[in-house]
Amino acid sequence: MTQTYPNATDLSPDNYIILGLATCFVQDDGELTEVETIEPVPSSAFEAIIQGVPTSYKRLSAFTLNTILPIDTPDTLHKPDGFEDAEWSGQFIERFAAAARTYVRKPQATEKLPIGQSWNQMNYNLDRKRILNAKRRVKLTDNVKQHAHTHKTL
């Protein structure tokens, strides 16, 4: 019988996952500070990245789930080699399971990056900065004025 994770019974320790080393930013008093994060990459994002879409990922690496989240200690994450200085992304466990499910549904995506291999030939670009703690502030000036005839039946 195959072991499964308590909160993701549809996943087994030998399932495939890609983790990305992303460059993100934290904003503090208007100043941006660069932060490297470890993020699970779903199959659709992986396929877009290998086609050349600009991305904030520096490297993508393929693993089995058990390498990152051992089945015998499902509450303990292990940073793989090359990711030691990075932080785990927000809601990592939930996103990790969701991304792993995309490779279960689309196994042909796993053929492009074998387990244990890394890929760093992507279109790395920070023009659109990913700010982790960005807050949206809605102002009165954001309201769109509508033409007087918008709601009238003519």
Protein backbone atom coordinates (compact mmCIF):
# COMPACT_ATOMS: atom_id res chain seq x y z
CA MET A 1 0.00 0.00 0.00
CA THR A 2 1.32 3.44 -0.95
CA GLN A 3 1.64 6.00 1.80
CA THR A 4 -0.15 9.30 1.36
CA TYR A 5 0.02 12.67 3.07
CA PRO A 6 -2.55 13.28 5.82
CA ASN A 7 -3.85 16.53 4.29
CA ALA A 8 -3.41 15.42 0.67
CA THR A 9 -4.45 11.78 0.44
CA ASP A 10 -4.36 11.90 -3.36
CA LEU A 11 -0.59 12.52 -3.35
CA SER A 12 2.19 10.07 -2.65
CA PRO A 13 5.83 10.73 -1.65
CA ASP A 14 7.15 9.79 -5.11
CA ASN A 15 5.00 12.36 -6.96
CA TYR A 16 6.78 15.03 -9.01
CA ILE A 17 7.13 18.72 -8.13
CA ILE A 18 9.08 21.66 -9.53
CA LEU A 19 10.33 24.32 -7.16
CA GLY A 20 11.39 27.73 -8.35
CA LEU A 21 13.87 30.15 -6.85
CA ALA A 22 12.12 33.49 -7.36
CA THR A 23 13.27 37.05 -6.87
CA CYS A 24 10.59 39.01 -5.04
CA PHE A 25 10.54 42.28 -3.14
CA VAL A 26 9.31 43.51 0.23
CA GLN A 27 8.27 47.14 0.54
CA ASP A 28 9.08 49.02 3.72
CA ASP A 29 8.47 52.79 3.92
CA GLY A 30 8.65 53.07 0.14
CA GLU A 31 11.95 51.19 -0.08
CA LEU A 32 12.10 47.85 -1.91
CA THR A 33 14.23 45.07 -0.50
CA GLU A 34 15.05 42.03 -2.63
CA VAL A 35 14.07 38.64 -1.20
CA GLU A 36 14.60 35.18 -2.70
CA THR A 37 11.70 32.78 -2.19
CA ILE A 38 11.12 29.10 -2.81
CA GLU A 39 7.87 28.55 -4.67
CA PRO A 40 6.09 25.49 -6.06
CA VAL A 41 5.60 25.86 -9.82
CA PRO A 42 2.46 24.36 -11.41
CA SER A 43 2.74 22.64 -14.79
CA SER A 44 1.02 25.47 -16.69
CA ALA A 45 3.47 28.07 -15.33
CA PHE A 46 6.41 25.75 -16.08
CA GLU A 47 5.30 25.31 -19.68
CA ALA A 48 4.91 29.08 -20.13
CA ILE A 49 8.35 29.72 -18.64
CA ILE A 50 10.13 27.25 -20.93
CA GLN A 51 8.47 28.96 -23.90
CA GLY A 52 10.20 32.23 -22.98
CA VAL A 53 7.62 34.18 -21.00
CA PRO A 54 9.40 36.74 -18.77
CA THR A 55 9.66 35.45 -15.21
CA SER A 56 11.12 36.33 -11.83
CA TYR A 57 12.39 32.76 -11.39
CA LYS A 58 16.17 32.34 -11.44
CA ARG A 59 16.13 28.56 -11.38
CA LEU A 60 13.68 25.69 -11.56
CA SER A 61 14.46 22.30 -10.04
CA ALA A 62 12.52 19.01 -10.10
CA PHE A 63 12.07 16.84 -7.01
CA THR A 64 9.91 14.13 -5.55
CA LEU A 65 7.52 15.36 -2.88
CA ASN A 66 9.31 13.25 -0.26
CA THR A 67 12.55 15.20 -0.84
CA ILE A 68 10.91 18.45 0.26
CA LEU A 69 8.16 17.20 2.59
CA PRO A 70 9.12 13.78 4.01
CA ILE A 71 6.15 11.47 4.56
CA ASP A 72 7.35 10.51 8.05
CA THR A 73 7.51 14.19 9.13
CA PRO A 74 4.77 15.91 7.07
CA ASP A 75 5.07 19.13 9.07
CA THR A 76 8.79 19.64 8.36
CA LEU A 77 10.00 21.18 5.12
CA HIS A 78 13.54 20.48 3.89
CA LYS A 79 15.32 23.06 1.75
CA PRO A 80 17.06 21.41 -1.19
CA ASP A 81 20.62 22.20 -2.27
CA GLY A 82 20.90 25.60 -3.89
CA PHE A 83 17.84 26.96 -2.05
CA GLU A 84 19.40 27.29 1.44
CA ASP A 85 19.39 31.10 1.58
CA ALA A 86 15.84 31.51 0.29
CA GLU A 87 12.61 31.82 2.27
CA TRP A 88 9.54 29.61 1.85
CA SER A 89 6.74 31.38 -0.01
CA GLY A 90 3.47 32.19 1.70
CA GLN A 91 0.98 29.30 2.03
CA PHE A 92 3.71 26.99 0.80
CA ILE A 93 2.18 23.63 1.86
CA GLU A 94 -1.18 24.35 0.19
CA ARG A 95 0.47 25.65 -2.98
CA PHE A 96 2.91 22.71 -2.92
CA ALA A 97 0.06 20.17 -2.94
CA ALA A 98 -1.87 22.10 -5.61
CA ALA A 99 1.18 22.31 -7.90
CA ALA A 100 1.98 18.61 -7.42
CA ARG A 101 -1.58 17.74 -8.50
CA THR A 102 -1.03 19.56 -11.81
CA TYR A 103 1.81 17.16 -12.66
CA VAL A 104 -0.32 14.16 -11.67
CA ARG A 105 -2.97 15.35 -14.14
CA LYS A 106 -0.43 16.26 -16.83
CA PRO A 107 2.43 13.73 -16.59
CA GLN A 108 3.91 14.74 -19.97
CA ALA A 109 5.12 17.98 -18.31
CA THR A 110 7.44 15.90 -16.08
CA GLU A 111 9.42 14.72 -19.13
CA LYS A 112 10.83 18.20 -19.79
CA LEU A 113 12.77 18.40 -16.51
CA PRO A 114 13.83 15.08 -14.94
CA ILE A 115 13.88 14.66 -11.16
CA GLY A 116 17.17 15.88 -9.71
CA GLN A 117 17.79 18.27 -12.60
CA SER A 118 17.69 22.09 -12.64
CA TRP A 119 16.93 24.53 -15.42
CA ASN A 120 18.04 28.15 -15.52
CA GLN A 121 17.68 29.13 -19.18
CA MET A 122 14.52 31.11 -18.66
CA ASN A 123 13.76 34.71 -19.62
CA TYR A 124 14.66 36.17 -16.21
CA ASN A 125 13.22 39.67 -15.99
CA LEU A 126 12.41 41.96 -13.07
CA ASP A 127 10.69 44.77 -14.98
CA ARG A 128 7.41 43.84 -13.25
CA LYS A 129 8.49 43.51 -9.65
CA ARG A 130 6.64 41.02 -7.46
CA ILE A 131 6.02 42.84 -4.18
CA LEU A 132 5.06 40.36 -1.47
CA ASN A 133 3.50 42.77 1.00
CA ALA A 134 1.83 45.15 -1.46
CA LYS A 135 -1.32 46.80 -0.19
CA ARG A 136 -4.04 48.07 -2.49
CA ARG A 137 -5.33 51.46 -1.45
CA VAL A 138 -8.58 52.50 -3.05
CA LYS A 139 -9.04 56.27 -3.29
CA LEU A 140 -12.05 58.34 -4.24
CA THR A 141 -10.21 59.46 -7.38
CA ASP A 142 -10.13 55.82 -8.52
CA ASN A 143 -13.88 55.96 -9.19
CA VAL A 144 -14.73 56.07 -12.86
CA LYS A 145 -17.12 58.80 -13.91
CA GLN A 146 -19.81 57.45 -16.16
CA HIS A 147 -21.45 59.33 -18.95
CA ALA A 148 -24.88 60.74 -18.10
CA HIS A 149 -26.53 58.54 -20.76
CA THR A 150 -24.99 55.26 -19.52
CA HIS A 151 -28.03 54.07 -17.58
CA LYS A 152 -30.74 55.69 -19.68
CA THR A 153 -32.90 53.92 -22.20
CA LEU A 154 -32.79 55.93 -25.38
